[in-house]
Amino acid sequence: MAQDRPLILAVDQGTTNTKAVLIDALGKVVAKASAPLASNYPRPGWAEQSADAIWMSVQSVMADIVAGNHGSIAGIAISNQRETLVVWDSETGEPLAPAILWQCRRTAAACQAFIDTGHDATVVGLTGLSINALFPASKLGWVMEHVASARDLTKRGRLRAGTVDSWLLFKMTGGAVFATDHSNASRTMLFDTAKLEWSPELCTLFDVPASALPRALPSNNRFGHTEAGTTALPAGTPILAMMGDSHAALYGHGVRAPGLVKATFGTGSSLMTLTDRRVLSRHGLSSTIAWSDGSGVAYALEGNITVSAQAIAFAATLLGLDGPAALSDLAQSVSDSGKVVFVPALAGLGAPHWTDNATGTISGMTHATMPAHVARATMEAVALQIADVFEAMQQDVGLALSGLMADGGASTNDFLMQLQADILDRPVLRGDQPEVGAIGAAAMAFHSLGISPPEPSHARRFDPGTMQADARADLLTRWREAITRVKSPVSNAV
């Protein structure tokens, strides 16, 4: 029975919801709970959440799991939305301001100024990341400038600034531990991923106090223990692992060596592939730490797509359809897109193109174009964006990648997964559990206990072959032409 085996409570803290997943040593999901989480958009380009609401949602889902009385819980694992910044007072435990979400673009102009003055090469060399408002470094610089109490608390040694994992750890331990793991630290644009330490040079560049940053530790470190009353778990329950959510998903798929790519099909998409060393991308990707453990540091390349499966919901609304499922059904009513190409640059273009001012386009329409063609072009656009990042990864690592491991909400769509396999000309394997990130974090926690969970299984394999080679080549050509137009718009004014 599951209760006879050790149990890990994995907290999967995401942007739209927080989940708690109880997982046994065989990788089986014993119980799960979920709570929604709201985001606020107070100004154009700004995106925030209440840090207190994040913490309360975690307390809520953990309490739901404990109330189920499934057995003794050996420890906690955390996977979290990355690049979201929380700042708080170490003495009171109160946030100074709303958490600045990864999606927030309030520091875009400041980041461009850093690029214009020639700092990008230095930042890439130290962190593997190009300067971008996505990452917490510029967000913390903004806090230091605009939140009145930040500098005073820094002088008093009380300012704490970290990603969501460090906030949750601080709260779970009653303020006793302020730490992060190497995977989350590597996404801040402040962390030297070669030396595994915060960079004094980058702290100075972005005007952030190094004293406010958490201790960076391996992903399977025993980070601390719960304090009485902080969670529904007994005091003394160990926090055994912390990982960024995309990193945890890669680990949850069982990827332990270079050659495969993980793709999360969510609002946006994160693709990640392991590298045999620290590789700085020449093709629009980020170099990052996948995780670190007793075996050392695992490095990876990552590409982040700004609008992925969200394009399906957007197009469904545009066409007056009843949601993504209806759009998928409509797309399948035609054999091709009729040469229609949709580039869903609804919030600029992410990896590997990185064109912030790009806007979405639908091209190739004629009198013969029907809504079904636009629907199919939308489904193709999701897969084509993935293919762009996949190809950039192949160029950076210098080898042919063998396949794609898929997870995320849109990965449940068989039509999309088959399209993806055909466009990549590679097999796509879909995870058999939607909670792959939580499973990955739990697997890391089990390793902290000296337990090796079994290799994960995959629910279905999609092999290429339903699209003719010439049709694939034509689709890729039209896509690349459309991307070029979006990146370099030409005025039609006369």
Protein backbone atom coordinates (compact mmCIF):
# COMPACT_ATOMS: atom_id res chain seq x y z
CA MET A 1 0.00 0.00 0.00
CA ALA A 2 1.14 3.56 -0.70
CA GLN A 3 1.16 4.48 3.00
CA ASP A 4 3.74 1.72 3.64
CA ARG A 5 6.20 3.59 1.41
CA PRO A 6 7.84 6.98 2.11
CA LEU A 7 5.77 9.94 0.94
CA ILE A 8 6.96 13.31 -0.33
CA LEU A 9 4.64 16.30 -0.40
CA ALA A 10 5.62 18.25 -3.51
CA VAL A 11 4.50 21.88 -3.66
CA ASP A 12 4.21 23.05 -7.27
CA GLN A 13 3.78 26.81 -7.00
CA GLY A 14 2.78 28.22 -10.39
CA THR A 15 1.59 31.51 -11.83
CA THR A 16 -2.10 30.66 -12.16
CA ASN A 17 -2.42 28.11 -9.36
CA THR A 18 -0.62 26.34 -6.56
CA LYS A 19 -0.69 22.55 -6.36
CA ALA A 20 0.30 20.09 -3.69
CA VAL A 21 0.99 16.56 -4.89
CA LEU A 22 1.65 13.63 -2.56
CA ILE A 23 4.00 11.16 -4.24
CA ASP A 24 5.33 7.80 -3.09
CA ALA A 25 8.74 6.24 -3.72
CA LEU A 26 7.42 4.43 -6.80
CA GLY A 27 6.54 7.75 -8.41
CA LYS A 28 2.81 7.22 -7.90
CA VAL A 29 0.58 10.22 -7.22
CA VAL A 30 -1.28 9.37 -4.02
CA ALA A 31 -3.22 12.63 -3.61
CA LYS A 32 -3.32 16.15 -4.96
CA ALA A 33 -4.88 19.51 -4.22
CA SER A 34 -5.01 22.82 -6.05
CA ALA A 35 -5.81 26.46 -5.33
CA PRO A 36 -6.18 29.27 -7.89
CA LEU A 37 -3.97 32.34 -7.77
CA ALA A 38 -4.81 35.75 -9.20
CA SER A 39 -2.43 38.11 -10.96
CA ASN A 40 -2.76 41.88 -11.13
CA TYR A 41 -1.86 44.18 -14.02
CA PRO A 42 -1.87 47.69 -12.52
CA ARG A 43 -0.28 49.38 -15.55
CA PRO A 44 0.42 48.37 -19.16
CA GLY A 45 3.29 45.90 -19.14
CA TRP A 46 3.21 45.41 -15.37
CA ALA A 47 2.35 42.05 -13.76
CA GLU A 48 2.17 41.38 -10.02
CA GLN A 49 0.91 38.94 -7.42
CA SER A 50 0.39 39.21 -3.70
CA ALA A 51 3.29 37.43 -1.98
CA ASP A 52 1.01 36.80 0.99
CA ALA A 53 -1.58 35.22 -1.34
CA ILE A 54 1.13 32.95 -2.76
CA TRP A 55 2.03 31.79 0.74
CA MET A 56 -1.61 31.34 1.80
CA SER A 57 -2.30 29.25 -1.29
CA VAL A 58 0.62 26.98 -0.35
CA GLN A 59 -0.68 26.63 3.21
CA SER A 60 -4.14 25.82 1.86
CA VAL A 61 -3.15 23.01 -0.50
CA MET A 62 -0.77 21.47 2.02
CA ALA A 63 -3.57 21.44 4.59
CA ASP A 64 -5.87 19.72 2.07
CA ILE A 65 -3.32 16.94 1.57
CA VAL A 66 -2.69 16.47 5.27
CA ALA A 67 -6.43 16.34 5.95
CA GLY A 68 -6.64 13.27 3.71
CA ASN A 69 -4.61 11.29 6.26
CA HIS A 70 -2.69 9.34 3.62
CA GLY A 71 0.20 8.43 5.88
CA SER A 72 3.38 9.87 7.35
CA ILE A 73 5.08 12.44 5.12
CA ALA A 74 8.87 12.10 5.00
CA GLY A 75 9.57 15.53 3.60
CA ILE A 76 8.71 18.45 1.33
CA ALA A 77 9.85 19.27 -2.20
CA ILE A 78 9.26 22.63 -3.88
CA SER A 79 9.01 23.47 -7.57
CA ASN A 80 8.14 27.05 -8.36
CA GLN A 81 7.38 29.67 -10.97
CA ARG A 82 10.73 31.16 -11.84
CA GLU A 83 12.04 34.71 -12.12
CA THR A 84 9.26 36.15 -9.96
CA LEU A 85 10.76 38.44 -7.31
CA VAL A 86 9.61 38.72 -3.70
CA VAL A 87 11.08 41.31 -1.31
CA TRP A 88 10.38 41.29 2.42
CA ASP A 89 11.48 42.36 5.90
CA SER A 90 13.34 39.55 7.66
CA GLU A 91 12.20 40.74 11.09
CA THR A 92 8.48 41.04 10.45
CA GLY A 93 8.25 38.53 7.60
CA GLU A 94 6.07 41.03 5.72
CA PRO A 95 6.46 41.77 1.98
CA LEU A 96 7.55 45.29 1.10
CA ALA A 97 5.63 45.29 -2.18
CA PRO A 98 3.70 42.95 -4.47
CA ALA A 99 5.72 40.13 -6.01
CA ILE A 100 6.92 41.23 -9.45
CA LEU A 101 6.01 38.44 -11.85
CA TRP A 102 8.29 36.94 -14.46
CA GLN A 103 5.91 38.33 -17.09
CA CYS A 104 6.38 41.92 -15.92
CA ARG A 105 8.01 44.29 -18.42
CA ARG A 106 8.32 47.40 -16.23
CA THR A 107 12.11 47.32 -16.49
CA ALA A 108 12.29 46.80 -20.26
CA ALA A 109 13.58 50.31 -20.93
CA ALA A 110 16.19 50.01 -18.19
CA CYS A 111 17.34 46.69 -19.63
CA GLN A 112 17.64 48.21 -23.09
CA ALA A 113 19.78 50.99 -21.63
CA PHE A 114 22.14 48.39 -20.16
CA ILE A 115 22.35 46.71 -23.57
CA ASP A 116 22.91 50.01 -25.37
CA THR A 117 25.84 50.81 -23.08
CA GLY A 118 27.53 47.52 -23.89
CA HIS A 119 26.89 45.40 -20.78
CA ASP A 120 25.17 42.42 -22.42
CA ALA A 121 28.35 40.49 -23.21
CA THR A 122 29.48 40.70 -19.58
CA VAL A 123 26.13 39.48 -18.29
CA VAL A 124 25.99 36.61 -20.78
CA GLY A 125 29.53 35.58 -19.93
CA LEU A 126 28.81 35.35 -16.22
CA THR A 127 25.23 34.10 -16.18
CA GLY A 128 24.46 32.61 -19.61
CA LEU A 129 21.50 35.01 -19.83
CA SER A 130 21.05 37.99 -22.12
CA ILE A 131 19.85 41.15 -20.39
CA ASN A 132 16.06 41.06 -20.26
CA ALA A 133 13.25 42.33 -18.04
CA LEU A 134 12.20 38.70 -17.52
CA PHE A 135 14.94 38.16 -14.95
CA PRO A 136 14.91 39.41 -11.32
CA ALA A 137 18.12 41.50 -11.44
CA SER A 138 16.52 44.57 -13.01
CA LYS A 139 13.35 44.01 -10.96
CA LEU A 140 15.35 44.24 -7.74
CA GLY A 141 17.11 47.33 -9.04
CA TRP A 142 13.64 48.84 -9.61
CA VAL A 143 12.63 47.97 -6.03
CA MET A 144 15.74 49.62 -4.64
CA GLU A 145 14.85 52.80 -6.54
CA HIS A 146 11.09 52.92 -6.05
CA VAL A 147 10.21 51.18 -2.75
CA ALA A 148 10.98 53.69 -0.03
CA SER A 149 11.80 51.22 2.76
CA ALA A 150 14.16 49.01 0.71
CA ARG A 151 17.37 50.98 1.25
CA ASP A 152 16.62 51.60 4.93
CA LEU A 153 16.07 47.88 5.53
CA THR A 154 19.27 47.13 3.64
CA LYS A 155 21.23 49.38 5.99
CA ARG A 156 19.65 47.58 8.93
CA GLY A 157 20.44 44.16 7.48
CA ARG A 158 16.78 43.21 7.22
CA LEU A 159 16.06 43.30 3.47
CA ARG A 160 15.42 39.90 1.91
CA ALA A 161 15.00 39.48 -1.84
CA GLY A 162 14.51 36.19 -3.59
CA THR A 163 12.55 34.03 -5.96
CA VAL A 164 9.39 32.26 -4.84
CA ASP A 165 11.22 29.18 -3.55
CA SER A 166 13.23 31.26 -1.08
CA TRP A 167 10.07 33.05 0.09
CA LEU A 168 8.29 29.74 0.74
CA LEU A 169 11.32 28.28 2.51
CA PHE A 170 11.56 31.36 4.75
CA LYS A 171 7.88 31.08 5.67
CA MET A 172 7.93 27.30 6.20
CA THR A 173 10.92 27.53 8.52
CA GLY A 174 9.49 30.43 10.49
CA GLY A 175 12.20 32.73 9.18
CA ALA A 176 15.06 30.45 10.21
CA VAL A 177 16.37 29.73 6.69
CA PHE A 178 16.93 32.10 3.78
CA ALA A 179 18.21 30.11 0.82
CA THR A 180 17.57 29.17 -2.79
CA ASP A 181 18.81 26.39 -5.03
CA HIS A 182 21.25 26.65 -7.91
CA SER A 183 18.57 26.21 -10.59
CA ASN A 184 16.56 29.21 -9.37
CA ALA A 185 19.68 31.27 -8.67
CA SER A 186 20.83 30.71 -12.26
CA ARG A 187 17.69 32.48 -13.53
CA THR A 188 18.22 35.74 -11.64
CA MET A 189 20.83 37.36 -13.94
CA LEU A 190 22.94 37.90 -10.81
CA PHE A 191 24.50 34.45 -10.38
CA ASP A 192 27.88 33.38 -11.74
CA THR A 193 27.02 29.90 -13.02
CA ALA A 194 30.66 28.88 -13.36
CA LYS A 195 31.73 29.86 -9.83
CA LEU A 196 28.31 29.07 -8.28
CA GLU A 197 28.16 32.35 -6.40
CA TRP A 198 26.48 35.73 -6.57
CA SER A 199 28.46 38.06 -8.81
CA PRO A 200 29.69 41.25 -7.06
CA GLU A 201 30.13 42.81 -10.51
CA LEU A 202 26.50 42.22 -11.46
CA CYS A 203 25.18 43.34 -8.07
CA THR A 204 27.01 46.61 -8.64
CA LEU A 205 25.79 46.89 -12.24
CA PHE A 206 22.12 46.46 -11.33
CA ASP A 207 22.48 48.40 -8.04
CA VAL A 208 21.28 45.56 -5.82
CA PRO A 209 22.64 44.68 -2.37
CA ALA A 210 24.33 41.29 -2.24
CA SER A 211 23.49 41.18 1.48
CA ALA A 212 19.80 40.84 0.57
CA LEU A 213 20.28 37.71 -1.57
CA PRO A 214 19.73 34.15 -0.31
CA ARG A 215 22.37 31.50 0.15
CA ALA A 216 22.53 29.37 -3.03
CA LEU A 217 22.65 25.61 -2.41
CA PRO A 218 22.37 22.32 -4.36
CA SER A 219 18.86 21.34 -5.42
CA ASN A 220 18.76 18.28 -3.15
CA ASN A 221 20.10 20.06 -0.10
CA ARG A 222 18.28 19.50 3.18
CA PHE A 223 17.23 23.12 3.32
CA GLY A 224 15.59 23.22 6.72
CA HIS A 225 12.60 22.05 8.75
CA THR A 226 9.06 23.32 9.20
CA GLU A 227 8.42 25.47 12.23
CA ALA A 228 5.39 24.76 14.38
CA GLY A 229 2.25 26.44 13.05
CA THR A 230 3.65 27.45 9.67
CA THR A 231 2.03 24.56 7.79
CA ALA A 232 -0.37 21.72 8.54
CA LEU A 233 2.60 19.36 8.69
CA PRO A 234 4.27 18.53 12.02
CA ALA A 235 7.11 20.78 13.14
CA GLY A 236 10.44 19.37 12.08
CA THR A 237 9.30 18.07 8.69
CA PRO A 238 12.35 18.48 6.41
CA ILE A 239 12.39 20.50 3.18
CA LEU A 240 14.49 18.15 1.03
CA ALA A 241 14.55 19.68 -2.46
CA MET A 242 13.88 22.91 -4.35
CA MET A 243 13.91 23.41 -8.13
CA GLY A 244 12.55 25.85 -10.69
CA ASP A 245 9.47 24.36 -12.31
CA SER A 246 10.94 23.89 -15.79
CA HIS A 247 14.04 22.24 -14.34
CA ALA A 248 11.87 19.97 -12.21
CA ALA A 249 9.88 18.96 -15.31
CA LEU A 250 13.07 17.98 -17.14
CA TYR A 251 14.10 15.92 -14.12
CA GLY A 252 10.58 14.46 -13.86
CA HIS A 253 10.78 13.19 -17.44
CA GLY A 254 13.82 11.16 -16.44
CA VAL A 255 16.25 13.11 -18.66
CA ARG A 256 19.72 12.68 -17.16
CA ALA A 257 21.99 13.01 -20.22
CA PRO A 258 22.17 15.19 -23.36
CA GLY A 259 20.15 14.21 -26.42
CA LEU A 260 16.50 14.84 -25.54
CA VAL A 261 14.52 18.06 -25.24
CA LYS A 262 11.77 18.80 -22.72
CA ALA A 263 8.97 21.11 -23.85
CA THR A 264 6.25 22.43 -21.56
CA PHE A 265 3.16 23.43 -23.56
CA GLY A 266 1.62 26.11 -21.37
CA THR A 267 0.69 29.78 -21.70
CA GLY A 268 4.22 30.16 -22.96
CA SER A 269 6.63 27.31 -23.53
CA SER A 270 9.93 26.41 -21.95
CA LEU A 271 12.25 24.06 -23.81
CA MET A 272 15.30 22.66 -22.06
CA THR A 273 18.03 20.21 -23.00
CA LEU A 274 21.01 19.05 -20.97
CA THR A 275 24.54 19.86 -22.12
CA ASP A 276 27.72 18.06 -21.14
CA ARG A 277 29.27 21.34 -19.98
CA ARG A 278 28.44 25.02 -19.56
CA VAL A 279 27.54 26.16 -23.09
CA LEU A 280 26.94 29.82 -23.96
CA SER A 281 24.41 30.01 -26.76
CA ARG A 282 25.14 31.59 -30.12
CA HIS A 283 21.58 31.09 -31.36
CA GLY A 284 19.23 33.01 -29.07
CA LEU A 285 19.00 30.60 -26.14
CA SER A 286 19.88 30.85 -22.45
CA SER A 287 22.51 28.84 -20.67
CA THR A 288 21.30 27.74 -17.26
CA ILE A 289 21.84 25.30 -14.41
CA ALA A 290 19.37 22.46 -14.73
CA TRP A 291 20.03 21.26 -11.18
CA SER A 292 22.85 20.35 -8.85
CA ASP A 293 23.18 17.38 -6.52
CA GLY A 294 25.80 15.06 -5.09
CA SER A 295 26.96 14.22 -8.60
CA GLY A 296 27.74 17.84 -9.39
CA VAL A 297 26.15 20.51 -11.57
CA ALA A 298 24.00 19.65 -14.59
CA TYR A 299 24.00 22.45 -17.16
CA ALA A 300 21.34 23.03 -19.80
CA LEU A 301 20.25 25.24 -22.67
CA GLU A 302 16.80 26.76 -22.50
CA GLY A 303 14.52 28.59 -24.88
CA ASN A 304 11.47 30.48 -23.63
CA ILE A 305 8.56 31.14 -25.99
CA THR A 306 6.40 34.05 -24.89
CA VAL A 307 3.03 32.97 -26.32
CA SER A 308 2.57 29.28 -27.00
CA ALA A 309 -0.66 27.45 -26.14
CA GLN A 310 -2.14 30.82 -25.20
CA ALA A 311 -2.32 31.45 -28.96
CA ILE A 312 -4.92 28.68 -29.23
CA ALA A 313 -7.22 30.36 -26.69
CA PHE A 314 -6.63 33.72 -28.35
CA ALA A 315 -7.54 32.43 -31.81
CA ALA A 316 -10.60 30.62 -30.46
CA THR A 317 -11.89 33.92 -29.09
CA LEU A 318 -10.97 35.73 -32.31
CA LEU A 319 -12.99 33.23 -34.35
CA GLY A 320 -15.92 33.22 -31.94
CA LEU A 321 -15.39 29.60 -30.91
CA ASP A 322 -16.17 27.95 -27.60
CA GLY A 323 -12.60 27.51 -26.40
CA PRO A 324 -9.40 25.69 -27.44
CA ALA A 325 -11.05 22.30 -27.95
CA ALA A 326 -13.43 23.78 -30.53
CA LEU A 327 -10.53 25.41 -32.35
CA SER A 328 -8.64 22.12 -32.45
CA ASP A 329 -11.69 20.36 -33.88
CA LEU A 330 -12.09 23.05 -36.53
CA ALA A 331 -8.40 22.81 -37.44
CA GLN A 332 -8.77 19.11 -38.11
CA SER A 333 -11.60 19.69 -40.59
CA VAL A 334 -9.06 20.73 -43.26
CA SER A 335 -6.01 18.86 -44.49
CA ASP A 336 -3.70 21.89 -44.39
CA SER A 337 -3.72 25.59 -43.54
CA GLY A 338 -4.28 26.73 -47.11
CA LYS A 339 -0.93 28.57 -46.95
CA VAL A 340 -2.15 30.72 -44.05
CA VAL A 341 0.57 31.45 -41.47
CA PHE A 342 -0.15 32.83 -38.01
CA VAL A 343 2.80 34.26 -36.07
CA PRO A 344 1.49 34.67 -32.49
CA ALA A 345 3.81 37.49 -31.45
CA LEU A 346 1.13 38.81 -29.12
CA ALA A 347 3.74 39.91 -26.54
CA GLY A 348 6.77 40.13 -28.79
CA LEU A 349 8.83 37.16 -29.92
CA GLY A 350 10.79 35.11 -27.41
CA ALA A 351 13.49 32.54 -28.11
CA PRO A 352 15.29 32.21 -30.38
CA HIS A 353 14.26 35.49 -32.08
CA TRP A 354 13.99 37.91 -29.14
CA THR A 355 12.15 40.77 -30.80
CA ASP A 356 10.24 42.61 -28.07
CA ASN A 357 8.45 44.99 -30.41
CA ALA A 358 7.17 42.31 -32.80
CA THR A 359 3.40 42.02 -33.16
CA GLY A 360 1.25 39.13 -34.27
CA THR A 361 0.35 38.63 -37.92
CA ILE A 362 -1.84 36.37 -40.03
CA SER A 363 -0.59 36.17 -43.60
CA GLY A 364 -1.21 34.17 -46.76
CA MET A 365 -4.99 34.68 -46.85
CA THR A 366 -6.99 34.68 -50.09
CA HIS A 367 -10.68 34.55 -51.05
CA ALA A 368 -10.44 30.81 -50.49
CA THR A 369 -9.36 31.17 -46.84
CA MET A 370 -11.80 29.76 -44.31
CA PRO A 371 -11.85 29.96 -40.49
CA ALA A 372 -10.63 26.36 -40.44
CA HIS A 373 -7.42 27.39 -42.20
CA VAL A 374 -6.75 30.05 -39.55
CA ALA A 375 -7.49 27.48 -36.84
CA ARG A 376 -5.03 25.00 -38.33
CA ALA A 377 -2.41 27.72 -38.81
CA THR A 378 -2.74 28.48 -35.09
CA MET A 379 -2.07 24.86 -34.10
CA GLU A 380 0.86 24.79 -36.52
CA ALA A 381 2.24 28.02 -35.02
CA VAL A 382 2.55 26.42 -31.59
CA ALA A 383 4.53 23.51 -33.06
CA LEU A 384 6.60 25.73 -35.38
CA GLN A 385 7.77 27.94 -32.50
CA ILE A 386 8.88 24.80 -30.65
CA ALA A 387 10.70 23.67 -33.80
CA ASP A 388 12.59 26.99 -33.99
CA VAL A 389 13.97 26.53 -30.48
CA PHE A 390 14.68 22.84 -31.10
CA GLU A 391 16.76 23.75 -34.17
CA ALA A 392 18.64 26.47 -32.26
CA MET A 393 19.50 23.89 -29.61
CA GLN A 394 20.84 21.51 -32.24
CA GLN A 395 23.06 24.27 -33.63
CA ASP A 396 24.38 25.18 -30.18
CA VAL A 397 25.18 21.63 -29.06
CA GLY A 398 26.39 20.49 -32.47
CA LEU A 399 24.45 17.24 -32.58
CA ALA A 400 21.11 15.93 -33.75
CA LEU A 401 18.68 15.79 -30.84
CA SER A 402 16.71 12.58 -30.82
CA GLY A 403 13.25 13.58 -29.61
CA LEU A 404 10.93 15.71 -27.53
CA MET A 405 9.42 15.01 -24.10
CA ALA A 406 6.13 16.91 -23.81
CA ASP A 407 4.18 18.10 -20.80
CA GLY A 408 1.81 20.93 -19.92
CA GLY A 409 -1.89 21.40 -20.53
CA ALA A 410 -1.81 21.59 -24.34
CA SER A 411 0.26 18.40 -24.56
CA THR A 412 -2.95 16.45 -23.94
CA ASN A 413 -4.08 17.41 -27.45
CA ASP A 414 -3.24 14.44 -29.71
CA PHE A 415 -3.57 16.47 -32.89
CA LEU A 416 -1.05 19.05 -31.68
CA MET A 417 1.39 16.37 -30.55
CA GLN A 418 1.22 14.63 -33.94
CA LEU A 419 1.75 17.97 -35.69
CA GLN A 420 4.76 18.53 -33.47
CA ALA A 421 6.28 15.16 -34.33
CA ASP A 422 5.74 15.77 -38.05
CA ILE A 423 7.19 19.29 -38.01
CA LEU A 424 10.22 18.24 -35.95
CA ASP A 425 10.59 14.96 -37.86
CA ARG A 426 11.32 13.46 -34.44
CA PRO A 427 9.26 11.35 -32.02
CA VAL A 428 7.33 13.14 -29.29
CA LEU A 429 6.77 11.37 -25.97
CA ARG A 430 4.00 12.65 -23.72
CA GLY A 431 4.26 12.20 -19.98
CA ASP A 432 1.67 9.96 -18.36
CA GLN A 433 1.23 12.35 -15.42
CA PRO A 434 0.31 16.04 -15.79
CA GLU A 435 2.19 16.77 -12.55
CA VAL A 436 5.60 16.08 -14.08
CA GLY A 437 7.22 19.09 -12.38
CA ALA A 438 6.02 18.01 -8.96
CA ILE A 439 7.15 14.46 -9.69
CA GLY A 440 10.60 15.76 -10.65
CA ALA A 441 10.95 17.78 -7.45
CA ALA A 442 9.77 14.78 -5.42
CA ALA A 443 12.30 12.54 -7.19
CA MET A 444 15.05 14.98 -6.19
CA ALA A 445 13.76 14.86 -2.60
CA PHE A 446 13.78 11.06 -2.61
CA HIS A 447 17.41 11.18 -3.70
CA SER A 448 18.06 13.31 -0.61
CA LEU A 449 16.73 10.36 1.38
CA GLY A 450 18.93 7.90 -0.52
CA ILE A 451 15.96 6.48 -2.45
CA SER A 452 16.01 6.16 -6.24
CA PRO A 453 12.49 6.25 -7.71
CA PRO A 454 11.88 4.20 -10.87
CA GLU A 455 12.32 5.78 -14.29
CA PRO A 456 9.13 7.60 -15.34
CA SER A 457 6.92 6.11 -18.02
CA HIS A 458 5.28 7.98 -20.88
CA ALA A 459 1.66 7.65 -21.83
CA ARG A 460 2.03 7.87 -25.58
CA ARG A 461 4.60 8.16 -28.34
CA PHE A 462 3.86 10.18 -31.49
CA ASP A 463 6.07 9.27 -34.44
CA PRO A 464 6.50 11.49 -37.50
CA GLY A 465 5.11 10.31 -40.79
CA THR A 466 1.63 11.73 -41.35
CA MET A 467 3.01 14.79 -43.19
CA GLN A 468 4.75 14.47 -46.54
CA ALA A 469 8.35 15.73 -46.72
CA ASP A 470 7.56 18.36 -49.36
CA ALA A 471 4.58 19.64 -47.36
CA ARG A 472 6.78 19.94 -44.28
CA ALA A 473 9.48 21.80 -46.22
CA ASP A 474 6.89 24.20 -47.71
CA LEU A 475 5.38 24.87 -44.28
CA LEU A 476 8.80 25.61 -42.76
CA THR A 477 9.69 27.94 -45.64
CA ARG A 478 6.48 29.92 -45.32
CA TRP A 479 6.91 30.10 -41.52
CA ARG A 480 10.47 31.43 -41.78
CA GLU A 481 9.41 34.03 -44.32
CA ALA A 482 6.61 35.18 -42.01
CA ILE A 483 8.96 35.35 -39.02
CA THR A 484 11.38 37.49 -41.05
CA ARG A 485 8.58 39.92 -41.93
CA VAL A 486 7.47 40.16 -38.30
CA LYS A 487 11.01 40.81 -37.09
CA SER A 488 11.70 43.40 -39.79
CA PRO A 489 8.43 45.14 -40.63
CA VAL A 490 8.42 47.32 -43.73
CA SER A 491 6.10 50.30 -43.87
CA ASN A 492 3.52 50.23 -46.65
CA ALA A 493 2.98 53.96 -46.42
CA VAL A 494 3.31 55.95 -49.68
